[in-house]
Amino acid sequence: MHLSILGDGALVAPLTQLSKRAGHTVVQIQEEDPTTATPYGLSDLLVLVGSRVAIADVLDRVGVAVRDDVVIVDATTLDTVDEQRAIAERALSNDEWTTLLPGSRIVRAFASVPAEAFSAILAQEAPRDRSDLAVPLAGDDADAKGKVSGFMRQIGVQPFDLGPSAVGYVMEAGGPLWGTAVTELELQEMVGWLSGDG
């Protein structure tokens, strides 16, 4: 699989290293220079990482170079008051944010889990050891979620499908799943508690 990772932040290094260890081709593209069209054209997954404000500023330039069948993995964050204020000033709601993303095959994943949890997987001796780490994801395209889930298993984490993109708010900064590095069972208990079933 070919991945392009656009952005920067704590998740970039562990996701890149885990992907390469699983045998994937990875191209990292910094927010300052998103003009390289070739990597996007080859990508099966385009992973957007880091500040949502910074990524929003480059999405128009990136979108034209992304094939319609590319799955967009939204791992962006709004974890500072300044970033939240900047999005509010742009009047950019979560729904409007997704309209900026190229294509419609969007899966929200990775951002709610601390980067240290992915780094800990890198420290495992065997590269194909599966960890107990469950990573929540949400999206409206079942095929796209299937592709992201398969990728997650390949890098050594357990995907946990929360459902449609409308429930992605639980993974946002300040949400109940933000900053959690838990097992599948613990995540099931948390989700049950959130829905009133737990």
Protein backbone atom coordinates (compact mmCIF):
# COMPACT_ATOMS: atom_id res chain seq x y z
CA MET A 1 0.00 0.00 0.00
CA HIS A 2 1.16 3.53 -0.72
CA LEU A 3 0.52 6.23 1.89
CA SER A 4 1.01 9.95 1.82
CA ILE A 5 1.13 11.74 5.16
CA LEU A 6 0.41 15.46 5.03
CA GLY A 7 1.19 17.58 8.06
CA ASP A 8 3.34 17.40 11.11
CA GLY A 9 3.02 16.69 14.78
CA ALA A 10 3.67 13.90 17.21
CA LEU A 11 1.77 11.22 15.25
CA VAL A 12 3.77 11.57 12.03
CA ALA A 13 6.94 9.74 13.12
CA PRO A 14 5.34 6.67 14.74
CA LEU A 15 2.74 6.26 11.98
CA THR A 16 5.45 6.55 9.33
CA GLN A 17 7.74 4.05 11.06
CA LEU A 18 4.95 1.55 11.78
CA SER A 19 3.78 1.79 8.16
CA LYS A 20 7.26 1.22 6.77
CA ARG A 21 7.82 -1.68 9.15
CA ALA A 22 4.60 -3.26 7.81
CA GLY A 23 6.00 -2.98 4.27
CA HIS A 24 4.10 0.07 3.05
CA THR A 25 5.56 2.88 0.97
CA VAL A 26 5.25 6.19 2.81
CA VAL A 27 5.76 9.73 1.56
CA GLN A 28 5.78 12.52 4.14
CA ILE A 29 4.76 15.96 2.96
CA GLN A 30 5.09 18.97 5.22
CA GLU A 31 2.34 21.58 5.40
CA GLU A 32 4.77 24.21 4.11
CA ASP A 33 5.30 22.35 0.81
CA PRO A 34 2.14 20.50 -0.20
CA THR A 35 2.69 21.09 -3.92
CA THR A 36 4.17 17.71 -4.79
CA ALA A 37 1.38 16.15 -6.84
CA THR A 38 3.02 12.81 -7.63
CA PRO A 39 2.82 11.18 -4.17
CA TYR A 40 -0.88 12.01 -3.88
CA GLY A 41 -1.54 10.48 -7.27
CA LEU A 42 0.04 7.20 -6.17
CA SER A 43 -1.56 7.05 -2.72
CA ASP A 44 -4.09 4.53 -1.51
CA LEU A 45 -4.39 6.45 1.77
CA LEU A 46 -3.83 10.15 2.40
CA VAL A 47 -3.34 10.70 6.12
CA LEU A 48 -3.87 14.26 7.35
CA VAL A 49 -2.01 14.79 10.63
CA GLY A 50 -1.54 17.70 12.98
CA SER A 51 -3.27 21.03 13.32
CA ARG A 52 -6.62 21.19 11.54
CA VAL A 53 -6.11 24.93 11.07
CA ALA A 54 -2.79 24.43 9.26
CA ILE A 55 -4.16 21.57 7.16
CA ALA A 56 -7.28 23.58 6.23
CA ASP A 57 -5.01 26.24 4.73
CA VAL A 58 -3.46 23.78 2.24
CA LEU A 59 -6.38 21.51 1.36
CA ASP A 60 -7.45 23.47 -1.71
CA ARG A 61 -4.02 22.95 -3.27
CA VAL A 62 -3.94 19.27 -2.34
CA GLY A 63 -7.47 18.29 -3.34
CA VAL A 64 -6.95 18.60 -7.07
CA ALA A 65 -4.12 16.06 -7.01
CA VAL A 66 -5.98 13.34 -5.09
CA ARG A 67 -7.71 10.53 -7.00
CA ASP A 68 -11.40 9.98 -6.23
CA ASP A 69 -10.72 6.47 -4.90
CA VAL A 70 -8.10 7.58 -2.34
CA VAL A 71 -9.19 7.11 1.27
CA ILE A 72 -8.65 10.22 3.39
CA VAL A 73 -7.69 9.49 7.00
CA ASP A 74 -8.50 12.54 9.12
CA ALA A 75 -6.07 12.49 12.06
CA THR A 76 -6.16 16.26 12.59
CA THR A 77 -6.56 17.98 15.92
CA LEU A 78 -7.99 21.13 17.42
CA ASP A 79 -6.30 20.80 20.74
CA THR A 80 -5.48 24.39 21.64
CA VAL A 81 -7.78 27.27 22.42
CA ASP A 82 -6.06 29.34 19.72
CA GLU A 83 -6.77 26.66 17.10
CA GLN A 84 -10.39 26.37 18.18
CA ARG A 85 -10.70 30.16 18.02
CA ALA A 86 -9.09 30.24 14.54
CA ILE A 87 -11.59 27.69 13.22
CA ALA A 88 -14.44 29.62 14.85
CA GLU A 89 -13.22 32.82 13.16
CA ARG A 90 -13.33 31.02 9.83
CA ALA A 91 -16.85 29.80 10.78
CA LEU A 92 -15.71 26.28 10.00
CA SER A 93 -17.87 23.65 11.68
CA ASN A 94 -16.96 19.95 11.73
CA ASP A 95 -19.37 19.39 8.83
CA GLU A 96 -17.78 22.22 6.85
CA TRP A 97 -14.32 20.86 7.66
CA THR A 98 -15.19 17.57 5.96
CA THR A 99 -16.32 19.44 2.84
CA LEU A 100 -12.76 20.81 2.54
CA LEU A 101 -11.35 17.28 2.44
CA PRO A 102 -10.71 15.97 -1.05
CA GLY A 103 -13.10 13.16 -2.00
CA SER A 104 -15.84 11.60 0.04
CA ARG A 105 -14.04 8.51 1.35
CA ILE A 106 -13.16 9.98 4.75
CA VAL A 107 -12.35 8.08 7.93
CA ARG A 108 -11.67 9.83 11.24
CA ALA A 109 -8.97 7.90 13.11
CA PHE A 110 -5.69 7.99 15.07
CA ALA A 111 -5.80 11.56 16.46
CA SER A 112 -7.51 10.65 19.74
CA VAL A 113 -4.80 8.14 20.71
CA PRO A 114 -1.59 9.59 22.22
CA ALA A 115 1.45 9.32 19.94
CA GLU A 116 3.32 7.61 22.78
CA ALA A 117 1.01 4.61 22.47
CA PHE A 118 2.07 4.12 18.84
CA SER A 119 5.72 4.66 19.79
CA ALA A 120 5.37 1.88 22.37
CA ILE A 121 4.33 -0.50 19.59
CA LEU A 122 7.51 0.38 17.73
CA ALA A 123 9.48 -0.74 20.76
CA GLN A 124 8.08 -4.28 20.48
CA GLU A 125 10.69 -6.81 19.41
CA ALA A 126 8.82 -8.51 16.59
CA PRO A 127 7.56 -6.10 13.95
CA ARG A 128 4.37 -8.05 13.36
CA ASP A 129 3.38 -8.45 17.02
CA ARG A 130 -0.17 -7.26 17.52
CA SER A 131 -0.56 -4.92 20.44
CA ASP A 132 -3.57 -4.66 22.70
CA LEU A 133 -4.07 -1.05 21.62
CA ALA A 134 -7.55 -0.38 20.21
CA VAL A 135 -7.83 2.62 17.91
CA PRO A 136 -11.30 4.12 17.37
CA LEU A 137 -12.43 5.13 13.91
CA ALA A 138 -15.59 6.59 12.40
CA GLY A 139 -16.82 7.22 8.87
CA ASP A 140 -19.70 6.86 6.46
CA ASP A 141 -18.01 4.78 3.73
CA ALA A 142 -17.89 1.09 4.74
CA ASP A 143 -15.25 0.22 2.12
CA ALA A 144 -13.02 3.10 3.24
CA LYS A 145 -13.35 2.03 6.88
CA GLY A 146 -12.48 -1.52 5.82
CA LYS A 147 -9.31 -0.29 4.12
CA VAL A 148 -8.28 1.76 7.16
CA SER A 149 -9.11 -1.16 9.51
CA GLY A 150 -6.91 -3.47 7.43
CA PHE A 151 -4.10 -0.91 7.53
CA MET A 152 -4.47 -0.64 11.32
CA ARG A 153 -4.13 -4.41 11.74
CA GLN A 154 -1.04 -4.40 9.52
CA ILE A 155 0.71 -1.81 11.69
CA GLY A 156 -0.17 -3.76 14.85
CA VAL A 157 -3.24 -2.08 16.34
CA GLN A 158 -6.82 -3.23 16.72
CA PRO A 159 -9.40 -1.11 14.85
CA PHE A 160 -12.57 -0.22 16.75
CA ASP A 161 -15.39 1.01 14.52
CA LEU A 162 -17.54 3.54 16.36
CA GLY A 163 -19.97 3.91 13.46
CA PRO A 164 -20.80 6.86 11.17
CA SER A 165 -18.82 10.08 11.05
CA ALA A 166 -21.51 11.80 13.14
CA VAL A 167 -20.16 10.05 16.26
CA GLY A 168 -16.61 11.23 15.61
CA TYR A 169 -17.07 14.05 18.13
CA VAL A 170 -16.26 11.58 20.94
CA MET A 171 -12.69 11.43 19.57
CA GLU A 172 -12.20 15.21 19.47
CA ALA A 173 -10.12 17.14 22.00
CA GLY A 174 -12.11 17.28 25.23
CA GLY A 175 -14.30 14.36 24.12
CA PRO A 176 -14.64 11.20 26.21
CA LEU A 177 -12.24 9.16 24.03
CA TRP A 178 -9.64 11.91 23.61
CA GLY A 179 -6.18 11.00 24.88
CA THR A 180 -7.05 7.37 25.59
CA ALA A 181 -4.77 4.42 24.92
CA VAL A 182 -6.89 1.43 25.86
CA THR A 183 -7.58 -2.18 24.92
CA GLU A 184 -10.55 -3.28 22.86
CA LEU A 185 -12.39 -4.47 25.98
CA GLU A 186 -11.78 -1.16 27.76
CA LEU A 187 -12.97 0.74 24.69
CA GLN A 188 -16.11 -1.43 24.51
CA GLU A 189 -16.82 -0.56 28.15
CA MET A 190 -16.25 3.16 27.50
CA VAL A 191 -18.51 3.15 24.44
CA GLY A 192 -21.17 1.19 26.35
CA TRP A 193 -21.00 3.75 29.13
CA LEU A 194 -21.31 6.61 26.62
CA SER A 195 -24.38 5.06 25.01
CA GLY A 196 -26.00 4.20 28.32
CA ASP A 197 -25.55 0.46 27.78
CA GLY A 198 -22.65 0.10 30.22
